[in-house]
């Protein structure tokens, strides 16, 4: 079983426990655990997709920036 499948199984188990939960604190903990397990199960696929994606193109201005007129330090 791969890590992704392990996390999906744990998420399903958390849902079963959530149905049996008696207190609100326990329900909250199990809802959060379920969400975390789902995120972890998708993490490997998302990381591989990001690694394959090319970096975005560099943004280049259409025309060069105008030279800034600064104070003149000529002593005449």
N, C-alpha and C. Protein backbone atom coordinates (compact mmCIF):
# COMPACT_ATOMS: atom_id res chain seq x y z
N UNK A 1 0.84 -1.17 0.00
CA UNK A 1 0.00 0.00 0.00
C UNK A 1 0.89 1.24 0.00
N UNK A 2 0.60 2.19 -0.85
CA UNK A 2 1.41 3.40 -0.91
C UNK A 2 1.02 4.35 0.21
N UNK A 3 1.82 5.36 0.39
CA UNK A 3 1.55 6.34 1.44
C UNK A 3 0.23 7.04 1.17
N UNK A 4 -0.04 7.36 -0.08
CA UNK A 4 -1.29 8.02 -0.43
C UNK A 4 -2.49 7.15 -0.05
N UNK A 5 -2.39 5.88 -0.33
CA UNK A 5 -3.48 4.96 0.02
C UNK A 5 -3.63 4.83 1.53
N UNK A 6 -2.50 4.86 2.25
CA UNK A 6 -2.56 4.81 3.72
C UNK A 6 -3.34 6.00 4.26
N UNK A 7 -3.02 7.18 3.75
CA UNK A 7 -3.71 8.39 4.23
C UNK A 7 -5.19 8.38 3.86
N UNK A 8 -5.52 7.86 2.68
CA UNK A 8 -6.93 7.77 2.30
C UNK A 8 -7.68 6.81 3.23
N UNK A 9 -7.03 5.73 3.62
CA UNK A 9 -7.64 4.78 4.55
C UNK A 9 -7.84 5.42 5.92
N UNK A 10 -6.85 6.19 6.37
CA UNK A 10 -6.98 6.88 7.65
C UNK A 10 -8.10 7.92 7.61
N UNK A 11 -8.25 8.60 6.46
CA UNK A 11 -9.33 9.58 6.31
C UNK A 11 -10.68 8.89 6.40
N UNK A 12 -10.81 7.74 5.77
CA UNK A 12 -12.07 6.99 5.83
C UNK A 12 -12.34 6.52 7.26
N UNK A 13 -11.30 6.10 7.96
CA UNK A 13 -11.45 5.66 9.34
C UNK A 13 -11.88 6.83 10.23
N UNK A 14 -11.34 8.02 9.96
CA UNK A 14 -11.72 9.21 10.73
C UNK A 14 -13.20 9.53 10.51
N UNK A 15 -13.71 9.34 9.30
CA UNK A 15 -15.13 9.57 9.04
C UNK A 15 -16.00 8.60 9.81
N UNK A 16 -15.58 7.35 9.89
CA UNK A 16 -16.34 6.35 10.65
C UNK A 16 -16.37 6.74 12.13
N UNK A 17 -15.22 7.14 12.65
CA UNK A 17 -15.15 7.56 14.05
C UNK A 17 -15.97 8.83 14.28
N UNK A 18 -16.00 9.70 13.28
CA UNK A 18 -16.78 10.94 13.39
C UNK A 18 -18.26 10.64 13.55
N UNK A 19 -18.75 9.65 12.85
CA UNK A 19 -20.16 9.27 12.96
C UNK A 19 -20.49 8.75 14.36
N UNK A 20 -19.50 8.18 15.03
CA UNK A 20 -19.70 7.62 16.36
C UNK A 20 -19.33 8.59 17.48
N UNK A 21 -18.81 9.78 17.15
CA UNK A 21 -18.33 10.73 18.16
C UNK A 21 -19.48 11.23 19.03
N UNK A 22 -19.19 11.41 20.31
CA UNK A 22 -20.21 11.83 21.26
C UNK A 22 -20.10 13.30 21.64
N UNK A 23 -18.90 13.82 21.72
CA UNK A 23 -18.70 15.22 22.14
C UNK A 23 -18.31 16.09 20.95
N UNK A 24 -18.56 17.39 21.13
CA UNK A 24 -18.22 18.34 20.06
C UNK A 24 -16.70 18.44 19.88
N UNK A 25 -15.95 18.34 20.96
CA UNK A 25 -14.48 18.39 20.87
C UNK A 25 -13.96 17.22 20.06
N UNK A 26 -14.54 16.06 20.27
CA UNK A 26 -14.11 14.87 19.52
C UNK A 26 -14.48 15.01 18.05
N UNK A 27 -15.67 15.57 17.77
CA UNK A 27 -16.08 15.77 16.37
C UNK A 27 -15.13 16.74 15.67
N UNK A 28 -14.79 17.81 16.37
CA UNK A 28 -13.88 18.82 15.79
C UNK A 28 -12.53 18.19 15.49
N UNK A 29 -12.00 17.42 16.44
CA UNK A 29 -10.70 16.78 16.24
C UNK A 29 -10.74 15.84 15.05
N UNK A 30 -11.81 15.07 14.92
CA UNK A 30 -11.90 14.10 13.82
C UNK A 30 -12.12 14.78 12.47
N UNK A 31 -12.87 15.89 12.46
CA UNK A 31 -13.03 16.63 11.19
C UNK A 31 -11.70 17.18 10.72
N UNK A 32 -10.93 17.73 11.66
CA UNK A 32 -9.60 18.27 11.31
C UNK A 32 -8.68 17.15 10.84
N UNK A 33 -8.71 16.03 11.54
CA UNK A 33 -7.86 14.90 11.15
C UNK A 33 -8.22 14.41 9.75
N UNK A 34 -9.51 14.35 9.46
CA UNK A 34 -9.96 13.92 8.13
C UNK A 34 -9.40 14.85 7.06
N UNK A 35 -9.50 16.16 7.28
CA UNK A 35 -8.98 17.13 6.31
C UNK A 35 -7.48 17.01 6.13
N UNK A 36 -6.77 16.81 7.21
CA UNK A 36 -5.31 16.68 7.13
C UNK A 36 -4.93 15.43 6.36
N UNK A 37 -5.61 14.32 6.63
CA UNK A 37 -5.30 13.09 5.91
C UNK A 37 -5.57 13.23 4.42
N UNK A 38 -6.64 13.93 4.06
CA UNK A 38 -6.92 14.14 2.63
C UNK A 38 -5.84 14.99 1.98
N UNK A 39 -5.40 16.04 2.68
CA UNK A 39 -4.33 16.88 2.13
C UNK A 39 -3.05 16.08 1.96
N UNK A 40 -2.72 15.27 2.96
CA UNK A 40 -1.51 14.47 2.87
C UNK A 40 -1.59 13.43 1.76
N UNK A 41 -2.78 12.91 1.51
CA UNK A 41 -2.91 11.90 0.45
C UNK A 41 -2.70 12.51 -0.93
N UNK A 42 -3.01 13.79 -1.07
CA UNK A 42 -2.84 14.46 -2.37
C UNK A 42 -1.48 15.13 -2.51
N UNK A 43 -0.72 15.22 -1.44
CA UNK A 43 0.52 15.99 -1.44
C UNK A 43 1.54 15.48 -2.46
N UNK A 44 1.72 14.18 -2.54
CA UNK A 44 2.71 13.63 -3.46
C UNK A 44 2.40 13.92 -4.91
N UNK A 45 1.13 13.79 -5.29
CA UNK A 45 0.73 14.06 -6.67
C UNK A 45 0.89 15.55 -6.99
N UNK A 46 0.52 16.40 -6.04
CA UNK A 46 0.65 17.84 -6.28
C UNK A 46 2.12 18.25 -6.39
N UNK A 47 2.97 17.68 -5.57
CA UNK A 47 4.40 18.00 -5.63
C UNK A 47 5.00 17.56 -6.96
N UNK A 48 4.59 16.39 -7.46
CA UNK A 48 5.09 15.92 -8.75
C UNK A 48 4.61 16.84 -9.88
N UNK A 49 3.37 17.29 -9.80
CA UNK A 49 2.84 18.19 -10.83
C UNK A 49 3.57 19.53 -10.81
N UNK A 50 3.87 20.02 -9.61
CA UNK A 50 4.61 21.30 -9.52
C UNK A 50 6.02 21.14 -10.05
N UNK A 51 6.64 19.99 -9.82
CA UNK A 51 8.00 19.76 -10.30
C UNK A 51 8.04 19.70 -11.83
N UNK A 52 6.99 19.15 -12.45
CA UNK A 52 6.95 19.05 -13.90
C UNK A 52 6.59 20.37 -14.57
N UNK A 53 5.89 21.23 -13.87
CA UNK A 53 5.46 22.50 -14.45
C UNK A 53 6.66 23.40 -14.70
N UNK A 54 6.62 24.10 -15.82
CA UNK A 54 7.69 25.03 -16.13
C UNK A 54 7.49 26.32 -15.34
N UNK A 55 8.57 27.01 -15.02
CA UNK A 55 8.41 28.28 -14.30
C UNK A 55 7.71 29.30 -15.20
N UNK A 56 6.98 30.22 -14.63
CA UNK A 56 6.29 31.21 -15.45
C UNK A 56 7.28 32.09 -16.21
N UNK A 57 6.83 32.63 -17.34
CA UNK A 57 7.69 33.50 -18.13
C UNK A 57 7.99 34.77 -17.35
N UNK A 58 9.16 35.30 -17.58
CA UNK A 58 9.58 36.52 -16.92
C UNK A 58 8.81 37.69 -17.53
N UNK A 59 8.32 38.56 -16.69
CA UNK A 59 7.58 39.72 -17.17
C UNK A 59 8.59 40.78 -17.60
N UNK A 60 8.48 41.21 -18.86
CA UNK A 60 9.39 42.20 -19.41
C UNK A 60 8.55 43.41 -19.82
N UNK A 61 8.95 44.61 -19.42
CA UNK A 61 8.18 45.80 -19.81
C UNK A 61 8.22 46.00 -21.33
N UNK A 62 7.14 46.58 -21.86
CA UNK A 62 7.07 46.78 -23.31
C UNK A 62 8.09 47.80 -23.79
N UNK A 63 8.29 48.84 -23.04
CA UNK A 63 9.31 49.82 -23.42
C UNK A 63 10.22 50.08 -22.22
N UNK A 64 11.47 50.45 -22.48
CA UNK A 64 12.41 50.65 -21.39
C UNK A 64 11.98 51.82 -20.49
N UNK A 65 12.36 51.76 -19.26
CA UNK A 65 12.03 52.82 -18.30
C UNK A 65 12.76 54.10 -18.71
N UNK A 66 12.07 55.21 -18.55
CA UNK A 66 12.68 56.51 -18.87
C UNK A 66 13.74 56.82 -17.82
N UNK A 67 14.80 57.49 -18.27
CA UNK A 67 15.86 57.86 -17.34
C UNK A 67 15.32 58.88 -16.36
N UNK A 68 15.60 58.67 -15.12
CA UNK A 68 15.11 59.59 -14.09
C UNK A 68 15.96 60.84 -14.08
N UNK A 69 15.30 61.98 -14.02
CA UNK A 69 16.02 63.24 -13.94
C UNK A 69 16.27 63.54 -12.47
N UNK A 70 17.51 63.51 -12.11
CA UNK A 70 17.86 63.75 -10.73
C UNK A 70 18.50 65.12 -10.57
N UNK A 71 18.84 65.47 -9.37
CA UNK A 71 19.48 66.77 -9.16
C UNK A 71 20.86 66.80 -9.81
N UNK A 72 21.20 67.96 -10.29
CA UNK A 72 22.49 68.13 -10.95
C UNK A 72 23.51 68.60 -9.92
N UNK A 73 24.66 67.97 -9.92
CA UNK A 73 25.70 68.32 -8.94
C UNK A 73 26.87 69.03 -9.62
N UNK A 74 26.60 69.66 -10.73
CA UNK A 74 27.67 70.37 -11.41
C UNK A 74 27.96 71.67 -10.69
N UNK A 75 29.22 71.93 -10.49
CA UNK A 75 29.62 73.20 -9.89
C UNK A 75 30.18 74.06 -10.99
N UNK A 76 29.45 75.13 -11.31
CA UNK A 76 29.99 76.00 -12.35
C UNK A 76 30.06 77.41 -11.89
